[in-house]
C-alpha atoms as a PDB file:
ATOM      1  CA  UNK A   1       0.064  -0.064   0.077  1.00  0.00           C
ATOM      2  CA  UNK A   2       2.605   2.059   1.126  1.00  0.00           C
ATOM      3  CA  UNK A   3       4.189   1.634  -2.444  1.00  0.00           C
ATOM      4  CA  UNK A   4       0.950   2.714  -4.469  1.00  0.00           C
ATOM      5  CA  UNK A   5       0.410   5.674  -2.254  1.00  0.00           C
ATOM      6  CA  UNK A   6       4.184   6.765  -3.141  1.00  0.00           C
ATOM      7  CA  UNK A   7       3.635   6.164  -7.124  1.00  0.00           C
ATOM      8  CA  UNK A   8       0.360   7.806  -7.080  1.00  0.00           C
ATOM      9  CA  UNK A   9       1.730  10.841  -5.392  1.00  0.00           C
ATOM     10  CA  UNK A  10       4.600  10.480  -7.789  1.00  0.00           C
ATOM     11  CA  UNK A  11       2.346  10.713 -10.891  1.00  0.00           C
ATOM     12  CA  UNK A  12       0.241  13.568  -9.282  1.00  0.00           C
ATOM     13  CA  UNK A  13       3.043  15.570  -8.750  1.00  0.00           C
ATOM     14  CA  UNK A  14       4.525  14.852 -13.035  1.00  0.00           C
ATOM     15  CA  UNK A  15       0.895  15.679 -14.423  1.00  0.00           C
ATOM     16  CA  UNK A  16       1.213  19.256 -12.137  1.00  0.00           C
ATOM     17  CA  UNK A  17       4.443  19.883 -13.668  1.00  0.00           C
ATOM     18  CA  UNK A  18       3.485  20.893 -17.505  1.00  0.00           C
ATOM     19  CA  UNK A  19       1.343  23.796 -16.555  1.00  0.00           C
ATOM     20  CA  UNK A  20       3.726  25.116 -13.460  1.00  0.00           C
ATOM     21  CA  UNK A  21       6.694  24.569 -16.468  1.00  0.00           C
ATOM     22  CA  UNK A  22       4.474  26.596 -18.910  1.00  0.00           C
ATOM     23  CA  UNK A  23       3.772  29.434 -16.454  1.00  0.00           C
ATOM     24  CA  UNK A  24       7.572  29.786 -15.941  1.00  0.00           C
ATOM     25  CA  UNK A  25       8.452  29.538 -19.335  1.00  0.00           C
ATOM     26  CA  UNK A  26       5.768  32.328 -20.276  1.00  0.00           C
ATOM     27  CA  UNK A  27       7.375  34.153 -16.951  1.00  0.00           C
ATOM     28  CA  UNK A  28      10.847  33.759 -18.509  1.00  0.00           C
ATOM     29  CA  UNK A  29       9.603  34.821 -22.339  1.00  0.00           C
ATOM     30  CA  UNK A  30       8.522  38.117 -20.602  1.00  0.00           C
ATOM     31  CA  UNK A  31      11.264  39.230 -19.009  1.00  0.00           C
ATOM     32  CA  UNK A  32      13.712  38.397 -22.121  1.00  0.00           C
ATOM     33  CA  UNK A  33      11.348  40.877 -23.949  1.00  0.00           C
ATOM     34  CA  UNK A  34      12.501  44.517 -24.781  1.00  0.00           C
ATOM     35  CA  UNK A  35      11.467  47.469 -22.724  1.00  0.00           C
ATOM     36  CA  UNK A  36      10.235  48.866 -25.648  1.00  0.00           C
ATOM     37  CA  UNK A  37       7.915  45.792 -26.584  1.00  0.00           C
ATOM     38  CA  UNK A  38       4.729  46.902 -26.437  1.00  0.00           C
ATOM     39  CA  UNK A  39       3.606  43.708 -25.855  1.00  0.00           C
ATOM     40  CA  UNK A  40       5.726  43.162 -22.645  1.00  0.00           C
ATOM     41  CA  UNK A  41       3.976  42.098 -19.423  1.00  0.00           C
ATOM     42  CA  UNK A  42       5.410  44.049 -16.730  1.00  0.00           C
ATOM     43  CA  UNK A  43       4.958  46.283 -13.426  1.00  0.00           C
ATOM     44  CA  UNK A  44       6.394  49.472 -14.212  1.00  0.00           C
ATOM     45  CA  UNK A  45       5.887  53.375 -13.510  1.00  0.00           C
ATOM     46  CA  UNK A  46       7.238  56.447 -15.448  1.00  0.00           C
ATOM     47  CA  UNK A  47       6.759  60.044 -16.410  1.00  0.00           C
ATOM     48  CA  UNK A  48       6.971  61.971 -19.922  1.00  0.00           C
ATOM     49  CA  UNK A  49       6.866  65.624 -20.983  1.00  0.00           C
ATOM     50  CA  UNK A  50       5.756  66.210 -24.851  1.00  0.00           C
ATOM     51  CA  UNK A  51       3.797  69.430 -24.077  1.00  0.00           C
ATOM     52  CA  UNK A  52       2.460  68.756 -20.604  1.00  0.00           C
ATOM     53  CA  UNK A  53       3.519  66.501 -17.923  1.00  0.00           C
ATOM     54  CA  UNK A  54       2.174  63.279 -17.618  1.00  0.00           C
ATOM     55  CA  UNK A  55       2.856  59.665 -15.496  1.00  0.00           C
ATOM     56  CA  UNK A  56       2.029  56.193 -16.537  1.00  0.00           C
ATOM     57  CA  UNK A  57       2.320  52.946 -14.897  1.00  0.00           C
ATOM     58  CA  UNK A  58       1.251  49.420 -15.359  1.00  0.00           C
ATOM     59  CA  UNK A  59       0.993  46.402 -12.967  1.00  0.00           C
ATOM     60  CA  UNK A  60       1.464  43.188 -14.256  1.00  0.00           C
ATOM     61  CA  UNK A  61      -1.068  40.246 -12.578  1.00  0.00           C
ATOM     62  CA  UNK A  62       0.341  36.754 -13.806  1.00  0.00           C
ATOM     63  CA  UNK A  63       2.466  36.318 -17.070  1.00  0.00           C
ATOM     64  CA  UNK A  64      -0.390  37.248 -19.522  1.00  0.00           C
ATOM     65  CA  UNK A  65      -2.462  40.474 -17.502  1.00  0.00           C
ATOM     66  CA  UNK A  66      -1.623  43.628 -16.705  1.00  0.00           C
ATOM     67  CA  UNK A  67      -3.408  47.194 -15.317  1.00  0.00           C
ATOM     68  CA  UNK A  68      -2.768  50.487 -17.251  1.00  0.00           C
ATOM     69  CA  UNK A  69      -2.826  53.778 -15.956  1.00  0.00           C
ATOM     70  CA  UNK A  70      -1.887  57.105 -17.351  1.00  0.00           C
ATOM     71  CA  UNK A  71      -2.702  60.500 -16.036  1.00  0.00           C
ATOM     72  CA  UNK A  72      -1.483  64.125 -17.502  1.00  0.00           C
ATOM     73  CA  UNK A  73      -1.360  67.446 -15.687  1.00  0.00           C
ATOM     74  CA  UNK A  74      -4.330  68.649 -18.017  1.00  0.00           C
ATOM     75  CA  UNK A  75      -6.367  66.279 -16.366  1.00  0.00           C
ATOM     76  CA  UNK A  76      -6.460  63.721 -19.491  1.00  0.00           C
ATOM     77  CA  UNK A  77      -6.583  60.406 -17.848  1.00  0.00           C
ATOM     78  CA  UNK A  78      -7.272  56.559 -19.046  1.00  0.00           C
ATOM     79  CA  UNK A  79      -7.124  53.485 -17.478  1.00  0.00           C
ATOM     80  CA  UNK A  80      -7.463  49.841 -18.879  1.00  0.00           C
ATOM     81  CA  UNK A  81      -6.255  46.285 -18.726  1.00  0.00           C
ATOM     82  CA  UNK A  82      -4.247  44.382 -21.442  1.00  0.00           C
ATOM     83  CA  UNK A  83      -4.185  40.305 -22.028  1.00  0.00           C
ATOM     84  CA  UNK A  84      -1.777  38.546 -24.045  1.00  0.00           C
ATOM     85  CA  UNK A  85      -2.541  36.421 -26.805  1.00  0.00           C
ATOM     86  CA  UNK A  86      -0.399  34.027 -28.312  1.00  0.00           C
ATOM     87  CA  UNK A  87      -0.522  35.473 -31.498  1.00  0.00           C
ATOM     88  CA  UNK A  88      -1.421  39.426 -30.013  1.00  0.00           C
ATOM     89  CA  UNK A  89      -1.718  41.312 -26.987  1.00  0.00           C
ATOM     90  CA  UNK A  90      -5.648  42.844 -26.296  1.00  0.00           C
ATOM     91  CA  UNK A  91      -5.820  46.139 -24.410  1.00  0.00           C
ATOM     92  CA  UNK A  92      -9.369  47.750 -23.475  1.00  0.00           C
ATOM     93  CA  UNK A  93      -9.381  51.348 -22.098  1.00  0.00           C
ATOM     94  CA  UNK A  94     -11.189  54.057 -21.263  1.00  0.00           C
ATOM     95  CA  UNK A  95     -10.209  57.471 -20.399  1.00  0.00           C
ATOM     96  CA  UNK A  96     -11.598  60.958 -19.972  1.00  0.00           C
ATOM     97  CA  UNK A  97     -10.147  64.600 -21.160  1.00  0.00           C
ATOM     98  CA  UNK A  98     -10.801  68.096 -21.498  1.00  0.00           C
ATOM     99  CA  UNK A  99     -10.123  70.175 -24.541  1.00  0.00           C
ATOM    100  CA  UNK A 100      -9.055  73.920 -24.692  1.00  0.00           C
ATOM    101  CA  UNK A 101     -12.897  74.483 -25.730  1.00  0.00           C
ATOM    102  CA  UNK A 102     -14.088  73.340 -22.168  1.00  0.00           C
ATOM    103  CA  UNK A 103     -15.434  70.499 -23.974  1.00  0.00           C
ATOM    104  CA  UNK A 104     -15.265  67.418 -21.929  1.00  0.00           C
ATOM    105  CA  UNK A 105     -14.669  63.560 -23.878  1.00  0.00           C
ATOM    106  CA  UNK A 106     -15.171  60.502 -22.603  1.00  0.00           C
ATOM    107  CA  UNK A 107     -13.542  57.475 -24.945  1.00  0.00           C
ATOM    108  CA  UNK A 108     -13.552  54.049 -25.006  1.00  0.00           C
ATOM    109  CA  UNK A 109     -11.062  51.814 -27.140  1.00  0.00           C
ATOM    110  CA  UNK A 110     -10.510  48.384 -27.718  1.00  0.00           C
ATOM    111  CA  UNK A 111      -7.198  47.634 -29.803  1.00  0.00           C
ATOM    112  CA  UNK A 112      -4.283  45.598 -29.546  1.00  0.00           C
ATOM    113  CA  UNK A 113      -0.721  45.074 -31.565  1.00  0.00           C
ATOM    114  CA  UNK A 114       0.184  41.924 -33.730  1.00  0.00           C
ATOM    115  CA  UNK A 115       4.241  41.138 -33.804  1.00  0.00           C
ATOM    116  CA  UNK A 116       4.776  39.860 -37.022  1.00  0.00           C
ATOM    117  CA  UNK A 117       7.075  36.739 -35.789  1.00  0.00           C
ATOM    118  CA  UNK A 118       4.199  35.592 -33.997  1.00  0.00           C
ATOM    119  CA  UNK A 119       2.968  34.639 -37.650  1.00  0.00           C
ATOM    120  CA  UNK A 120       6.003  33.120 -38.640  1.00  0.00           C
ATOM    121  CA  UNK A 121       7.616  36.188 -40.021  1.00  0.00           C
ATOM    122  CA  UNK A 122      11.241  36.473 -40.350  1.00  0.00           C
ATOM    123  CA  UNK A 123      12.544  40.435 -39.827  1.00  0.00           C
ATOM    124  CA  UNK A 124      16.089  40.258 -38.720  1.00  0.00           C
ATOM    125  CA  UNK A 125      17.458  42.545 -36.239  1.00  0.00           C
ATOM    126  CA  UNK A 126      13.935  44.553 -36.434  1.00  0.00           C
ATOM    127  CA  UNK A 127      10.964  43.636 -34.323  1.00  0.00           C
ATOM    128  CA  UNK A 128       7.583  44.688 -36.347  1.00  0.00           C
ATOM    129  CA  UNK A 129       4.240  45.161 -34.771  1.00  0.00           C
ATOM    130  CA  UNK A 130       1.078  45.927 -36.281  1.00  0.00           C
ATOM    131  CA  UNK A 131      -1.012  48.485 -34.503  1.00  0.00           C
ATOM    132  CA  UNK A 132      -4.854  48.153 -34.972  1.00  0.00           C
ATOM    133  CA  UNK A 133      -7.873  49.186 -32.957  1.00  0.00           C
ATOM    134  CA  UNK A 134     -11.208  51.191 -32.742  1.00  0.00           C
ATOM    135  CA  UNK A 135     -12.300  53.994 -30.202  1.00  0.00           C
ATOM    136  CA  UNK A 136     -15.459  56.044 -29.313  1.00  0.00           C
ATOM    137  CA  UNK A 137     -15.604  59.015 -28.137  1.00  0.00           C
ATOM    138  CA  UNK A 138     -19.071  61.337 -27.054  1.00  0.00           C
ATOM    139  CA  UNK A 139     -17.757  64.546 -28.918  1.00  0.00           C
ATOM    140  CA  UNK A 140     -17.148  65.136 -32.458  1.00  0.00           C
ATOM    141  CA  UNK A 141     -14.296  67.330 -31.749  1.00  0.00           C
ATOM    142  CA  UNK A 142     -11.259  65.087 -32.128  1.00  0.00           C
ATOM    143  CA  UNK A 143      -8.245  64.217 -29.751  1.00  0.00           C
ATOM    144  CA  UNK A 144      -5.066  64.334 -31.429  1.00  0.00           C
ATOM    145  CA  UNK A 145      -2.760  64.088 -28.746  1.00  0.00           C
ATOM    146  CA  UNK A 146      -3.709  60.935 -27.364  1.00  0.00           C
ATOM    147  CA  UNK A 147      -0.680  57.836 -27.351  1.00  0.00           C
ATOM    148  CA  UNK A 148      -1.105  54.447 -28.835  1.00  0.00           C
ATOM    149  CA  UNK A 149       2.633  53.479 -27.512  1.00  0.00           C
ATOM    150  CA  UNK A 150       4.477  56.151 -25.194  1.00  0.00           C
ATOM    151  CA  UNK A 151       5.359  58.473 -28.197  1.00  0.00           C
ATOM    152  CA  UNK A 152       3.055  57.495 -31.159  1.00  0.00           C
ATOM    153  CA  UNK A 153       0.271  59.581 -31.375  1.00  0.00           C
ATOM    154  CA  UNK A 154      -3.450  58.594 -32.379  1.00  0.00           C
ATOM    155  CA  UNK A 155      -6.310  60.764 -33.601  1.00  0.00           C
ATOM    156  CA  UNK A 156     -10.018  59.773 -32.668  1.00  0.00           C
ATOM    157  CA  UNK A 157     -13.434  61.368 -34.005  1.00  0.00           C
ATOM    158  CA  UNK A 158     -16.763  59.830 -32.410  1.00  0.00           C
ATOM    159  CA  UNK A 159     -16.155  56.531 -33.799  1.00  0.00           C
ATOM    160  CA  UNK A 160     -12.629  55.850 -35.463  1.00  0.00           C
ATOM    161  CA  UNK A 161     -10.473  52.728 -36.556  1.00  0.00           C
ATOM    162  CA  UNK A 162      -7.045  52.834 -37.067  1.00  0.00           C
ATOM    163  CA  UNK A 163      -3.953  50.702 -38.272  1.00  0.00           C
ATOM    164  CA  UNK A 164      -0.443  50.969 -38.857  1.00  0.00           C
ATOM    165  CA  UNK A 165       3.192  49.421 -38.201  1.00  0.00           C
ATOM    166  CA  UNK A 166       5.848  50.025 -35.169  1.00  0.00           C
ATOM    167  CA  UNK A 167       9.149  48.680 -35.385  1.00  0.00           C
ATOM    168  CA  UNK A 168      12.026  48.666 -33.064  1.00  0.00           C
ATOM    169  CA  UNK A 169      15.639  47.777 -33.333  1.00  0.00           C
ATOM    170  CA  UNK A 170      18.562  47.329 -31.246  1.00  0.00           C
ATOM    171  CA  UNK A 171      21.509  50.169 -32.081  1.00  0.00           C
ATOM    172  CA  UNK A 172      23.766  48.912 -29.091  1.00  0.00           C
ATOM    173  CA  UNK A 173      23.508  47.160 -26.205  1.00  0.00           C
ATOM    174  CA  UNK A 174      22.253  50.154 -24.607  1.00  0.00           C
ATOM    175  CA  UNK A 175      20.359  52.176 -27.246  1.00  0.00           C
ATOM    176  CA  UNK A 176      17.290  50.900 -29.373  1.00  0.00           C
ATOM    177  CA  UNK A 177      15.702  53.028 -32.251  1.00  0.00           C
ATOM    178  CA  UNK A 178      12.106  52.856 -32.675  1.00  0.00           C
ATOM    179  CA  UNK A 179       9.976  54.357 -35.015  1.00  0.00           C
ATOM    180  CA  UNK A 180       5.855  53.740 -36.119  1.00  0.00           C
ATOM    181  CA  UNK A 181       2.861  55.701 -37.827  1.00  0.00           C
ATOM    182  CA  UNK A 182      -0.850  54.634 -38.036  1.00  0.00           C
ATOM    183  CA  UNK A 183      -3.553  55.714 -40.349  1.00  0.00           C
ATOM    184  CA  UNK A 184      -7.263  56.527 -38.892  1.00  0.00           C
ATOM    185  CA  UNK A 185     -10.567  57.098 -40.678  1.00  0.00           C
ATOM    186  CA  UNK A 186     -13.225  57.924 -38.391  1.00  0.00           C
ATOM    187  CA  UNK A 187     -16.903  59.495 -38.566  1.00  0.00           C
ATOM    188  CA  UNK A 188     -18.246  62.797 -40.142  1.00  0.00           C
ATOM    189  CA  UNK A 189     -15.557  62.810 -43.041  1.00  0.00           C
ATOM    190  CA  UNK A 190     -12.364  62.364 -40.267  1.00  0.00           C
ATOM    191  CA  UNK A 191      -9.568  60.954 -41.623  1.00  0.00           C
ATOM    192  CA  UNK A 192      -5.367  61.303 -40.486  1.00  0.00           C
ATOM    193  CA  UNK A 193      -2.441  59.729 -40.283  1.00  0.00           C
ATOM    194  CA  UNK A 194       0.479  60.187 -37.602  1.00  0.00           C
ATOM    195  CA  UNK A 195       4.472  59.315 -37.717  1.00  0.00           C
ATOM    196  CA  UNK A 196       6.650  59.165 -34.706  1.00  0.00           C
ATOM    197  CA  UNK A 197      10.372  57.978 -34.212  1.00  0.00           C
ATOM    198  CA  UNK A 198      13.014  57.849 -31.473  1.00  0.00           C
ATOM    199  CA  UNK A 199      15.553  56.630 -29.567  1.00  0.00           C
ATOM    200  CA  UNK A 200      15.943  54.768 -26.142  1.00  0.00           C
ATOM    201  CA  UNK A 201      18.474  54.690 -23.680  1.00  0.00           C
ATOM    202  CA  UNK A 202      18.937  51.672 -21.183  1.00  0.00           C
ATOM    203  CA  UNK A 203      20.525  53.185 -17.822  1.00  0.00           C
ATOM    204  CA  UNK A 204      20.516  49.819 -16.267  1.00  0.00           C
ATOM    205  CA  UNK A 205      18.062  46.814 -16.678  1.00  0.00           C
ATOM    206  CA  UNK A 206      15.209  48.357 -15.411  1.00  0.00           C
ATOM    207  CA  UNK A 207      15.568  51.978 -16.128  1.00  0.00           C
ATOM    208  CA  UNK A 208      15.163  53.314 -19.805  1.00  0.00           C
ATOM    209  CA  UNK A 209      14.857  57.260 -21.131  1.00  0.00           C
ATOM    210  CA  UNK A 210      14.024  58.022 -24.434  1.00  0.00           C
ATOM    211  CA  UNK A 211      13.335  61.025 -26.735  1.00  0.00           C
ATOM    212  CA  UNK A 212      10.608  60.895 -29.695  1.00  0.00           C
ATOM    213  CA  UNK A 213       9.442  63.138 -32.062  1.00  0.00           C
ATOM    214  CA  UNK A 214       5.868  63.112 -33.883  1.00  0.00           C
ATOM    215  CA  UNK A 215       4.066  64.522 -36.684  1.00  0.00           C
ATOM    216  CA  UNK A 216       0.230  64.161 -36.980  1.00  0.00           C
ATOM    217  CA  UNK A 217      -1.974  65.600 -39.979  1.00  0.00           C
ATOM    218  CA  UNK A 218      -5.690  65.135 -40.055  1.00  0.00           C
ATOM    219  CA  UNK A 219      -8.725  66.846 -41.245  1.00  0.00           C
ATOM    220  CA  UNK A 220      -8.196  69.784 -38.725  1.00  0.00           C
ATOM    221  CA  UNK A 221      -4.459  70.336 -39.326  1.00  0.00           C
ATOM    222  CA  UNK A 222      -1.287  69.439 -38.635  1.00  0.00           C
ATOM    223  CA  UNK A 223       0.744  69.197 -35.224  1.00  0.00           C
ATOM    224  CA  UNK A 224       4.319  68.413 -34.279  1.00  0.00           C
ATOM    225  CA  UNK A 225       5.761  67.359 -30.839  1.00  0.00           C
ATOM    226  CA  UNK A 226       8.943  66.390 -29.315  1.00  0.00           C
ATOM    227  CA  UNK A 227       8.969  64.618 -25.771  1.00  0.00           C
ATOM    228  CA  UNK A 228      11.130  62.769 -23.292  1.00  0.00           C
ATOM    229  CA  UNK A 229      10.561  60.056 -21.222  1.00  0.00           C
ATOM    230  CA  UNK A 230      11.472  58.150 -18.267  1.00  0.00           C
ATOM    231  CA  UNK A 231      10.583  54.184 -17.301  1.00  0.00           C
ATOM    232  CA  UNK A 232      11.629  52.156 -14.379  1.00  0.00           C
ATOM    233  CA  UNK A 233      10.668  48.483 -14.637  1.00  0.00           C
ATOM    234  CA  UNK A 234       9.944  46.149 -11.300  1.00  0.00           C
END
């Protein structure tokens, strides 16, 4: 009986190993991702300045889920959550902003990033992602300085869909090149595009600073901005 009990205990322990190993593999995979990777699940805090000061952060809950938040000095804020799938990361967010005209907007968005290597496409030293999504806001006036990812602007109208490309490439062990753009099409004849690029520098394993420049051109006009940011990952 004792031998049978030992055998059953051993078998039970072996059956539990694959799930535990998968969790360890997923966590290890996230640690290996670059800080600039928009699909990375991690706990981090950061600050940025691009015309106004803002603070952002994320809280990882397991290897596939995180809660995201951002608040700006103007009162613009967003709160959401991301879930990592085998071929993409999906993010739902809600936010509120007040325009210079005094109009307050509440917005909701659902989107994400698809890394091309998850589809079996080899891109060499370049990591290429496809940002995509849909946004809704309760005002006809557009928001032209909303970030899809830090430094990559997105413009929205009352109902808007967007798609684009985002890429990162290590230049040295500490420096990484970032570039991206997106095209937006919305209701009330709204359309536009945004492009951005920059360089990040890793101060250490968990601290990163970056400089980015962007250009927006849409139905309501053009806008350029330069921003700097700092991020600490736990």
